N, C-alpha and C. Protein backbone atom coordinates (compact mmCIF):
# COMPACT_ATOMS: atom_id res chain seq x y z
N MET A 1 185.51 -86.39 64.23
CA MET A 1 184.22 -85.90 63.78
C MET A 1 183.40 -87.06 63.22
N GLU A 2 182.13 -87.04 63.54
CA GLU A 2 181.23 -88.06 63.01
C GLU A 2 180.58 -87.55 61.72
N SER A 3 179.77 -88.40 61.14
CA SER A 3 179.03 -87.98 59.96
C SER A 3 178.06 -86.85 60.34
N VAL A 4 177.60 -86.11 59.32
CA VAL A 4 176.70 -84.99 59.52
C VAL A 4 175.46 -85.23 58.67
N TRP A 5 174.31 -84.82 59.18
CA TRP A 5 173.06 -84.90 58.43
C TRP A 5 172.72 -83.53 57.88
N LEU A 6 172.48 -83.46 56.59
CA LEU A 6 172.11 -82.23 55.90
C LEU A 6 170.68 -82.38 55.40
N PHE A 7 169.84 -81.39 55.67
CA PHE A 7 168.45 -81.42 55.25
C PHE A 7 168.27 -80.59 53.98
N GLY A 8 167.71 -81.22 52.95
CA GLY A 8 167.40 -80.54 51.71
C GLY A 8 165.90 -80.41 51.54
N TYR A 9 165.44 -79.22 51.23
CA TYR A 9 164.00 -78.98 51.08
C TYR A 9 163.67 -78.32 49.74
N GLY A 10 164.69 -77.96 48.96
CA GLY A 10 164.50 -77.32 47.66
C GLY A 10 165.24 -78.11 46.60
N SER A 11 166.13 -77.45 45.89
CA SER A 11 166.84 -78.11 44.78
C SER A 11 167.74 -79.25 45.26
N LEU A 12 168.13 -79.24 46.51
CA LEU A 12 168.95 -80.36 47.00
C LEU A 12 168.18 -81.68 46.93
N ILE A 13 166.86 -81.63 46.98
CA ILE A 13 166.07 -82.86 46.89
C ILE A 13 166.30 -83.54 45.54
N TRP A 14 166.26 -82.78 44.47
CA TRP A 14 166.34 -83.37 43.13
C TRP A 14 167.69 -83.17 42.45
N ARG A 15 168.59 -82.41 43.09
CA ARG A 15 169.92 -82.22 42.51
C ARG A 15 170.93 -81.98 43.62
N PRO A 16 171.27 -83.04 44.36
CA PRO A 16 172.20 -82.83 45.48
C PRO A 16 173.63 -82.47 45.04
N ASP A 17 174.14 -83.03 43.99
CA ASP A 17 175.49 -82.71 43.49
C ASP A 17 176.61 -82.93 44.50
N PHE A 18 176.48 -83.90 45.39
CA PHE A 18 177.56 -84.24 46.31
C PHE A 18 177.41 -85.70 46.70
N GLU A 19 178.49 -86.26 47.19
CA GLU A 19 178.50 -87.65 47.65
C GLU A 19 177.87 -87.73 49.04
N PHE A 20 177.07 -88.77 49.26
CA PHE A 20 176.50 -88.97 50.59
C PHE A 20 176.43 -90.46 50.90
N VAL A 21 176.41 -90.77 52.18
CA VAL A 21 176.40 -92.15 52.65
C VAL A 21 175.02 -92.76 52.48
N SER A 22 174.00 -92.00 52.88
CA SER A 22 172.61 -92.45 52.77
C SER A 22 171.71 -91.24 52.73
N SER A 23 170.46 -91.48 52.34
CA SER A 23 169.47 -90.41 52.36
C SER A 23 168.13 -91.01 52.73
N LYS A 24 167.30 -90.19 53.37
CA LYS A 24 165.96 -90.64 53.71
C LYS A 24 165.03 -89.44 53.89
N VAL A 25 163.76 -89.71 53.72
CA VAL A 25 162.76 -88.68 53.92
C VAL A 25 162.82 -88.22 55.37
N ALA A 26 162.77 -86.92 55.55
CA ALA A 26 162.85 -86.34 56.89
C ALA A 26 162.01 -85.07 56.92
N TRP A 27 161.88 -84.50 58.09
CA TRP A 27 161.19 -83.23 58.21
C TRP A 27 161.76 -82.44 59.37
N VAL A 28 161.49 -81.14 59.33
CA VAL A 28 161.83 -80.24 60.44
C VAL A 28 160.52 -79.64 60.94
N ASP A 29 160.42 -79.51 62.22
CA ASP A 29 159.24 -78.91 62.83
C ASP A 29 159.46 -77.41 63.04
N GLY A 30 158.37 -76.65 62.93
CA GLY A 30 158.43 -75.22 63.18
C GLY A 30 158.87 -74.39 61.99
N TRP A 31 158.89 -75.01 60.80
CA TRP A 31 159.30 -74.31 59.57
C TRP A 31 158.34 -74.68 58.43
N THR A 32 158.21 -73.75 57.47
CA THR A 32 157.45 -74.02 56.27
C THR A 32 158.22 -73.52 55.05
N ARG A 33 158.05 -74.21 53.94
CA ARG A 33 158.76 -73.89 52.69
C ARG A 33 157.99 -72.79 51.95
N ARG A 34 158.70 -71.75 51.50
CA ARG A 34 158.07 -70.65 50.77
C ARG A 34 158.98 -70.17 49.63
N PHE A 35 158.36 -69.78 48.53
CA PHE A 35 159.07 -69.18 47.39
C PHE A 35 159.25 -67.69 47.66
N TRP A 36 160.02 -67.35 48.67
CA TRP A 36 160.17 -65.97 49.10
C TRP A 36 161.59 -65.45 48.91
N GLN A 37 162.51 -66.29 48.44
CA GLN A 37 163.90 -65.86 48.27
C GLN A 37 164.18 -65.55 46.80
N GLY A 38 164.82 -64.41 46.57
CA GLY A 38 165.23 -64.06 45.21
C GLY A 38 166.43 -64.87 44.78
N SER A 39 166.51 -65.17 43.51
CA SER A 39 167.66 -65.88 42.95
C SER A 39 168.26 -65.02 41.85
N HIS A 40 169.37 -64.38 42.19
CA HIS A 40 170.08 -63.52 41.25
C HIS A 40 171.20 -64.27 40.53
N ASP A 41 171.50 -65.47 41.02
CA ASP A 41 172.69 -66.17 40.54
C ASP A 41 172.42 -67.55 39.93
N HIS A 42 171.27 -68.11 40.12
CA HIS A 42 170.97 -69.45 39.57
C HIS A 42 169.74 -69.44 38.67
N ARG A 43 168.60 -68.99 39.18
CA ARG A 43 167.33 -69.07 38.44
C ARG A 43 166.82 -67.69 38.01
N GLY A 44 167.72 -66.73 38.04
CA GLY A 44 167.43 -65.38 37.60
C GLY A 44 168.75 -64.64 37.47
N VAL A 45 168.68 -63.37 37.22
CA VAL A 45 169.87 -62.51 37.11
C VAL A 45 169.64 -61.28 37.98
N PRO A 46 170.70 -60.51 38.28
CA PRO A 46 170.53 -59.38 39.19
C PRO A 46 169.41 -58.41 38.81
N GLU A 47 169.24 -58.13 37.53
CA GLU A 47 168.20 -57.18 37.13
C GLU A 47 166.82 -57.82 37.02
N ALA A 48 166.74 -59.14 37.07
CA ALA A 48 165.46 -59.86 37.00
C ALA A 48 165.57 -61.16 37.79
N PRO A 49 165.53 -61.07 39.11
CA PRO A 49 165.71 -62.28 39.92
C PRO A 49 164.55 -63.26 39.78
N GLY A 50 164.89 -64.53 39.88
CA GLY A 50 163.86 -65.56 39.99
C GLY A 50 163.46 -65.70 41.44
N ARG A 51 162.64 -66.72 41.72
CA ARG A 51 162.23 -67.02 43.09
C ARG A 51 162.55 -68.48 43.39
N VAL A 52 163.16 -68.71 44.53
CA VAL A 52 163.46 -70.06 44.99
C VAL A 52 162.97 -70.19 46.43
N VAL A 53 163.00 -71.40 46.94
CA VAL A 53 162.44 -71.61 48.28
C VAL A 53 163.44 -71.34 49.39
N THR A 54 162.88 -70.96 50.50
CA THR A 54 163.57 -70.87 51.76
C THR A 54 162.61 -71.43 52.81
N LEU A 55 163.09 -71.58 54.00
CA LEU A 55 162.22 -71.96 55.12
C LEU A 55 161.96 -70.73 55.95
N VAL A 56 160.72 -70.57 56.37
CA VAL A 56 160.36 -69.49 57.27
C VAL A 56 159.73 -70.10 58.52
N PRO A 57 159.97 -69.47 59.67
CA PRO A 57 159.40 -70.01 60.90
C PRO A 57 157.88 -70.07 60.84
N ALA A 58 157.33 -71.17 61.31
CA ALA A 58 155.88 -71.38 61.35
C ALA A 58 155.59 -72.34 62.50
N MET A 59 155.10 -71.81 63.56
CA MET A 59 154.97 -72.53 64.83
C MET A 59 154.43 -73.95 64.72
N ASP A 60 153.30 -74.15 64.09
CA ASP A 60 152.67 -75.47 64.09
C ASP A 60 152.86 -76.21 62.77
N GLU A 61 153.86 -75.83 61.99
CA GLU A 61 154.08 -76.45 60.68
C GLU A 61 155.21 -77.47 60.75
N ARG A 62 155.24 -78.27 59.71
CA ARG A 62 156.27 -79.30 59.54
C ARG A 62 156.63 -79.31 58.06
N CYS A 63 157.93 -79.21 57.75
CA CYS A 63 158.37 -79.20 56.36
C CYS A 63 159.13 -80.49 56.05
N GLY A 64 158.67 -81.18 55.01
CA GLY A 64 159.30 -82.42 54.60
C GLY A 64 160.35 -82.21 53.52
N GLY A 65 161.32 -83.09 53.51
CA GLY A 65 162.38 -83.05 52.51
C GLY A 65 163.22 -84.31 52.59
N ILE A 66 164.48 -84.19 52.24
CA ILE A 66 165.41 -85.32 52.27
C ILE A 66 166.58 -84.99 53.18
N ALA A 67 166.95 -85.92 54.05
CA ALA A 67 168.15 -85.79 54.87
C ALA A 67 169.25 -86.64 54.25
N PHE A 68 170.39 -86.02 54.07
CA PHE A 68 171.56 -86.69 53.49
C PHE A 68 172.61 -86.87 54.58
N GLN A 69 173.07 -88.10 54.74
CA GLN A 69 174.14 -88.36 55.70
C GLN A 69 175.47 -88.19 54.96
N ILE A 70 176.28 -87.28 55.45
CA ILE A 70 177.57 -86.98 54.83
C ILE A 70 178.68 -87.56 55.70
N ALA A 71 179.57 -88.32 55.07
CA ALA A 71 180.68 -88.96 55.79
C ALA A 71 181.63 -87.90 56.34
N ALA A 72 182.17 -88.16 57.51
CA ALA A 72 183.05 -87.21 58.19
C ALA A 72 184.18 -86.69 57.30
N PRO A 73 184.90 -87.54 56.55
CA PRO A 73 186.00 -87.00 55.73
C PRO A 73 185.55 -86.05 54.62
N ASP A 74 184.27 -86.10 54.25
CA ASP A 74 183.75 -85.26 53.15
C ASP A 74 183.09 -83.97 53.61
N VAL A 75 182.87 -83.83 54.90
CA VAL A 75 182.07 -82.72 55.42
C VAL A 75 182.64 -81.36 55.00
N ALA A 76 183.92 -81.10 55.22
CA ALA A 76 184.49 -79.78 54.93
C ALA A 76 184.36 -79.44 53.45
N ASP A 77 184.71 -80.35 52.57
CA ASP A 77 184.63 -80.08 51.14
C ASP A 77 183.19 -79.86 50.68
N ILE A 78 182.28 -80.67 51.16
CA ILE A 78 180.87 -80.54 50.75
C ILE A 78 180.28 -79.23 51.25
N PHE A 79 180.55 -78.87 52.49
CA PHE A 79 180.00 -77.61 52.99
C PHE A 79 180.66 -76.39 52.35
N ASN A 80 181.92 -76.49 51.99
CA ASN A 80 182.54 -75.39 51.23
C ASN A 80 181.82 -75.20 49.90
N ALA A 81 181.53 -76.29 49.20
CA ALA A 81 180.82 -76.22 47.93
C ALA A 81 179.39 -75.71 48.13
N LEU A 82 178.72 -76.18 49.18
CA LEU A 82 177.34 -75.73 49.45
C LEU A 82 177.30 -74.27 49.88
N ASP A 83 178.29 -73.82 50.63
CA ASP A 83 178.34 -72.41 51.01
C ASP A 83 178.41 -71.53 49.76
N TYR A 84 179.14 -71.99 48.74
CA TYR A 84 179.22 -71.25 47.49
C TYR A 84 177.88 -71.33 46.73
N ARG A 85 177.33 -72.54 46.65
CA ARG A 85 176.05 -72.74 45.95
C ARG A 85 174.94 -71.90 46.57
N GLU A 86 174.95 -71.76 47.88
CA GLU A 86 173.89 -71.06 48.61
C GLU A 86 174.30 -69.64 49.01
N LYS A 87 175.23 -69.06 48.27
CA LYS A 87 175.80 -67.76 48.63
C LYS A 87 174.84 -66.58 48.48
N ASN A 88 173.77 -66.76 47.76
CA ASN A 88 172.84 -65.67 47.46
C ASN A 88 171.86 -65.43 48.61
N GLY A 89 172.39 -65.26 49.84
CA GLY A 89 171.55 -64.90 50.97
C GLY A 89 171.26 -66.00 51.98
N TYR A 90 171.80 -67.19 51.78
CA TYR A 90 171.50 -68.30 52.68
C TYR A 90 172.57 -68.44 53.77
N ASP A 91 172.14 -68.84 54.94
CA ASP A 91 173.03 -69.15 56.06
C ASP A 91 172.71 -70.54 56.59
N ARG A 92 173.70 -71.15 57.20
CA ARG A 92 173.47 -72.47 57.83
C ARG A 92 172.65 -72.31 59.10
N CYS A 93 171.84 -73.31 59.35
CA CYS A 93 170.99 -73.36 60.53
C CYS A 93 171.02 -74.79 61.06
N GLU A 94 170.87 -74.95 62.35
CA GLU A 94 170.82 -76.29 62.94
C GLU A 94 169.48 -76.50 63.62
N ALA A 95 168.97 -77.70 63.46
CA ALA A 95 167.69 -78.07 64.09
C ALA A 95 167.57 -79.59 64.07
N PRO A 96 166.72 -80.14 64.92
CA PRO A 96 166.48 -81.59 64.86
C PRO A 96 165.78 -81.97 63.56
N LEU A 97 166.21 -83.08 62.99
CA LEU A 97 165.57 -83.69 61.83
C LEU A 97 164.85 -84.93 62.32
N TYR A 98 163.66 -85.15 61.80
CA TYR A 98 162.86 -86.30 62.23
C TYR A 98 162.69 -87.28 61.08
N PHE A 99 162.76 -88.56 61.40
CA PHE A 99 162.55 -89.65 60.44
C PHE A 99 161.40 -90.52 60.92
N ALA A 100 160.60 -91.00 60.00
CA ALA A 100 159.51 -91.92 60.36
C ALA A 100 160.06 -93.34 60.45
N LEU A 101 159.78 -93.99 61.52
CA LEU A 101 160.16 -95.39 61.71
C LEU A 101 158.92 -96.15 62.15
N ASP A 102 158.25 -96.78 61.21
CA ASP A 102 157.02 -97.50 61.49
C ASP A 102 156.05 -96.64 62.30
N GLU A 103 155.83 -96.97 63.55
CA GLU A 103 154.86 -96.26 64.38
C GLU A 103 155.48 -95.14 65.21
N SER A 104 156.80 -95.00 65.17
CA SER A 104 157.43 -93.98 66.01
C SER A 104 158.35 -93.11 65.15
N GLU A 105 158.95 -92.13 65.78
CA GLU A 105 159.87 -91.23 65.09
C GLU A 105 161.23 -91.33 65.74
N SER A 106 162.26 -91.09 64.93
CA SER A 106 163.60 -90.91 65.49
C SER A 106 164.07 -89.54 65.06
N LYS A 107 165.05 -89.00 65.77
CA LYS A 107 165.54 -87.69 65.40
C LYS A 107 167.05 -87.63 65.53
N VAL A 108 167.64 -86.74 64.71
CA VAL A 108 169.08 -86.48 64.74
C VAL A 108 169.26 -84.97 64.62
N ASP A 109 170.41 -84.49 65.01
CA ASP A 109 170.74 -83.10 64.77
C ASP A 109 171.08 -82.94 63.30
N GLY A 110 170.58 -81.90 62.70
CA GLY A 110 170.82 -81.67 61.28
C GLY A 110 171.15 -80.23 60.96
N ILE A 111 171.66 -80.04 59.76
CA ILE A 111 172.02 -78.71 59.27
C ILE A 111 171.22 -78.46 58.00
N PHE A 112 170.76 -77.24 57.82
CA PHE A 112 170.13 -76.84 56.57
C PHE A 112 170.42 -75.36 56.34
N TYR A 113 170.13 -74.91 55.15
CA TYR A 113 170.35 -73.52 54.77
C TYR A 113 169.02 -72.79 54.72
N ILE A 114 168.98 -71.59 55.30
CA ILE A 114 167.79 -70.75 55.20
C ILE A 114 168.22 -69.35 54.74
N ALA A 115 167.30 -68.68 54.10
CA ALA A 115 167.49 -67.29 53.70
C ALA A 115 166.48 -66.48 54.50
N ASN A 116 166.94 -65.84 55.55
CA ASN A 116 165.99 -65.11 56.38
C ASN A 116 165.65 -63.75 55.77
N GLU A 117 164.68 -63.09 56.35
CA GLU A 117 164.15 -61.85 55.77
C GLU A 117 165.12 -60.68 55.80
N ASN A 118 166.24 -60.82 56.47
CA ASN A 118 167.21 -59.73 56.55
C ASN A 118 168.30 -59.81 55.48
N ASN A 119 168.23 -60.79 54.58
CA ASN A 119 169.28 -60.90 53.57
C ASN A 119 168.93 -60.04 52.36
N PHE A 120 169.93 -59.66 51.60
CA PHE A 120 169.79 -58.73 50.48
C PHE A 120 168.87 -59.22 49.37
N ALA A 121 168.68 -60.53 49.24
CA ALA A 121 167.91 -61.09 48.13
C ALA A 121 166.49 -61.50 48.53
N PHE A 122 166.13 -61.29 49.78
CA PHE A 122 164.81 -61.73 50.25
C PHE A 122 163.72 -60.92 49.57
N LEU A 123 162.74 -61.60 48.98
CA LEU A 123 161.63 -60.95 48.30
C LEU A 123 160.35 -60.96 49.13
N GLY A 124 160.20 -61.96 49.97
CA GLY A 124 159.03 -62.04 50.84
C GLY A 124 157.78 -62.53 50.14
N ASP A 125 156.70 -62.42 50.87
CA ASP A 125 155.41 -62.90 50.41
C ASP A 125 154.88 -62.03 49.27
N ALA A 126 154.06 -62.63 48.45
CA ALA A 126 153.37 -61.95 47.36
C ALA A 126 152.18 -62.82 46.98
N PRO A 127 151.22 -62.28 46.25
CA PRO A 127 150.12 -63.11 45.78
C PRO A 127 150.64 -64.26 44.90
N ILE A 128 149.97 -65.41 44.99
CA ILE A 128 150.38 -66.60 44.24
C ILE A 128 150.52 -66.29 42.76
N GLU A 129 149.60 -65.51 42.20
CA GLU A 129 149.65 -65.17 40.77
C GLU A 129 150.93 -64.43 40.43
N GLN A 130 151.33 -63.52 41.30
CA GLN A 130 152.55 -62.73 41.08
C GLN A 130 153.79 -63.61 41.18
N ILE A 131 153.83 -64.49 42.18
CA ILE A 131 154.97 -65.40 42.32
C ILE A 131 155.08 -66.29 41.09
N ALA A 132 153.97 -66.86 40.66
CA ALA A 132 153.98 -67.75 39.48
C ALA A 132 154.42 -66.98 38.23
N GLN A 133 153.94 -65.77 38.07
CA GLN A 133 154.33 -64.97 36.90
C GLN A 133 155.82 -64.67 36.92
N GLN A 134 156.37 -64.31 38.07
CA GLN A 134 157.80 -64.04 38.18
C GLN A 134 158.61 -65.29 37.87
N ILE A 135 158.18 -66.43 38.40
CA ILE A 135 158.87 -67.69 38.13
C ILE A 135 158.81 -68.02 36.64
N GLY A 136 157.66 -67.81 36.03
CA GLY A 136 157.50 -68.12 34.61
C GLY A 136 158.35 -67.26 33.70
N GLN A 137 158.71 -66.08 34.13
CA GLN A 137 159.49 -65.15 33.31
C GLN A 137 160.98 -65.20 33.59
N SER A 138 161.40 -65.89 34.65
CA SER A 138 162.80 -65.82 35.08
C SER A 138 163.66 -66.94 34.51
N GLN A 139 164.86 -66.57 34.19
CA GLN A 139 165.87 -67.48 33.61
C GLN A 139 167.22 -67.06 34.16
N GLY A 140 168.06 -68.04 34.49
CA GLY A 140 169.39 -67.73 35.00
C GLY A 140 170.41 -68.74 34.53
N PRO A 141 171.63 -68.65 35.01
CA PRO A 141 172.70 -69.56 34.58
C PRO A 141 172.40 -71.04 34.84
N SER A 142 171.57 -71.34 35.84
CA SER A 142 171.23 -72.73 36.14
C SER A 142 169.98 -73.20 35.41
N GLY A 143 169.38 -72.34 34.60
CA GLY A 143 168.19 -72.72 33.84
C GLY A 143 167.00 -71.87 34.21
N SER A 144 165.85 -72.29 33.69
CA SER A 144 164.63 -71.52 33.92
C SER A 144 164.13 -71.72 35.34
N ASN A 145 163.50 -70.68 35.85
CA ASN A 145 162.91 -70.76 37.17
C ASN A 145 161.73 -71.73 37.17
N SER A 146 161.03 -71.82 36.02
CA SER A 146 159.92 -72.79 35.89
C SER A 146 160.41 -74.21 36.09
N GLU A 147 161.57 -74.52 35.52
CA GLU A 147 162.15 -75.86 35.67
C GLU A 147 162.38 -76.17 37.15
N TYR A 148 162.89 -75.20 37.90
CA TYR A 148 163.12 -75.37 39.33
C TYR A 148 161.80 -75.72 40.03
N LEU A 149 160.76 -74.92 39.77
CA LEU A 149 159.45 -75.17 40.40
C LEU A 149 158.91 -76.54 40.02
N TYR A 150 158.91 -76.87 38.73
CA TYR A 150 158.35 -78.16 38.29
C TYR A 150 159.14 -79.34 38.84
N ASN A 151 160.47 -79.24 38.87
CA ASN A 151 161.28 -80.32 39.43
C ASN A 151 161.02 -80.50 40.92
N LEU A 152 160.89 -79.39 41.63
CA LEU A 152 160.61 -79.48 43.06
C LEU A 152 159.24 -80.10 43.31
N ALA A 153 158.23 -79.64 42.60
CA ALA A 153 156.88 -80.18 42.79
C ALA A 153 156.85 -81.68 42.51
N GLN A 154 157.50 -82.11 41.43
CA GLN A 154 157.52 -83.54 41.11
C GLN A 154 158.27 -84.34 42.16
N ALA A 155 159.40 -83.82 42.62
CA ALA A 155 160.18 -84.51 43.64
C ALA A 155 159.37 -84.67 44.93
N LEU A 156 158.63 -83.64 45.30
CA LEU A 156 157.79 -83.73 46.51
C LEU A 156 156.71 -84.79 46.32
N ARG A 157 156.10 -84.84 45.15
CA ARG A 157 155.09 -85.88 44.89
C ARG A 157 155.72 -87.27 44.97
N ASP A 158 156.90 -87.42 44.37
CA ASP A 158 157.59 -88.71 44.39
C ASP A 158 157.87 -89.18 45.81
N LEU A 159 158.10 -88.22 46.72
CA LEU A 159 158.38 -88.54 48.12
C LEU A 159 157.11 -88.59 48.97
N ASP A 160 155.95 -88.36 48.35
CA ASP A 160 154.67 -88.31 49.03
C ASP A 160 154.64 -87.22 50.11
N ILE A 161 155.22 -86.06 49.75
CA ILE A 161 155.22 -84.90 50.64
C ILE A 161 154.23 -83.88 50.07
N ASP A 162 153.26 -83.50 50.87
CA ASP A 162 152.27 -82.52 50.45
C ASP A 162 152.74 -81.12 50.82
N ASP A 163 152.76 -80.23 49.88
CA ASP A 163 153.14 -78.84 50.14
C ASP A 163 152.22 -77.94 49.33
N GLU A 164 151.18 -77.45 49.94
CA GLU A 164 150.16 -76.68 49.23
C GLU A 164 150.72 -75.42 48.59
N HIS A 165 151.67 -74.77 49.24
CA HIS A 165 152.27 -73.56 48.67
C HIS A 165 152.94 -73.86 47.32
N VAL A 166 153.76 -74.89 47.27
CA VAL A 166 154.44 -75.27 46.04
C VAL A 166 153.44 -75.69 44.98
N PHE A 167 152.48 -76.53 45.36
CA PHE A 167 151.52 -77.05 44.39
C PHE A 167 150.58 -75.97 43.87
N GLU A 168 150.25 -75.00 44.71
CA GLU A 168 149.39 -73.90 44.28
C GLU A 168 150.11 -73.03 43.24
N ILE A 169 151.39 -72.75 43.48
CA ILE A 169 152.16 -71.98 42.50
C ILE A 169 152.32 -72.77 41.21
N GLU A 170 152.54 -74.06 41.33
CA GLU A 170 152.66 -74.91 40.13
C GLU A 170 151.36 -74.86 39.31
N ARG A 171 150.21 -74.98 39.96
CA ARG A 171 148.93 -74.92 39.25
C ARG A 171 148.76 -73.58 38.53
N GLU A 172 149.12 -72.51 39.21
CA GLU A 172 148.98 -71.18 38.62
C GLU A 172 149.94 -71.00 37.44
N LEU A 173 151.16 -71.51 37.56
CA LEU A 173 152.10 -71.38 36.45
C LEU A 173 151.63 -72.19 35.24
N LYS A 174 151.09 -73.37 35.48
CA LYS A 174 150.53 -74.16 34.37
C LYS A 174 149.35 -73.43 33.71
N ARG A 175 148.53 -72.78 34.53
CA ARG A 175 147.41 -72.02 33.98
C ARG A 175 147.93 -70.85 33.12
N LEU A 176 148.94 -70.15 33.62
CA LEU A 176 149.53 -69.04 32.87
C LEU A 176 150.15 -69.54 31.55
N ASP A 177 150.82 -70.69 31.61
CA ASP A 177 151.42 -71.27 30.40
C ASP A 177 150.36 -71.61 29.37
N GLN A 178 149.22 -72.16 29.82
CA GLN A 178 148.14 -72.55 28.90
C GLN A 178 147.48 -71.32 28.27
N THR A 179 147.32 -70.25 29.05
CA THR A 179 146.67 -69.06 28.49
C THR A 179 147.62 -68.34 27.53
N ALA A 180 148.92 -68.52 27.69
CA ALA A 180 149.89 -67.87 26.80
C ALA A 180 149.95 -68.56 25.44
N GLN A 181 149.46 -69.79 25.36
CA GLN A 181 149.55 -70.54 24.10
C GLN A 181 148.44 -70.21 23.15
């Protein structure tokens, strides 16, 4: 077995929690990042789920994140741990990952986790104000849902990845926080 490339587009960007050989900015085509997945186990609780990101199909979209190269001897252990971490409705998916190389692109086969609309925790679309309010009120064993959103938004900025959905929710949550004070 050769090394495997894993694509992170949410908390894996800022908290991978596993050993990797290398990492680089990458993207997947035909997907967009959305705060449409419920979190009953990390950023919320069963009676008050938080919201975390998943990828949803979007024909002309491109979602940026980080690709992690995992060494062959570590693949089974890392994916066992990730399967547990992503147990709240996520499944593995395979797609090409693209890397920028000066004026051209290169691609590799990659794996990522998605929570599709048929899983038990899927919350789906909602108005930005409602998503931000739910995130602002949610807390789980891994911390506040606000922390998740703010860490993701900052990590995307650090990588120079523009994501209007994430940044719009961040702006609304900051506005809600200021009006609550």
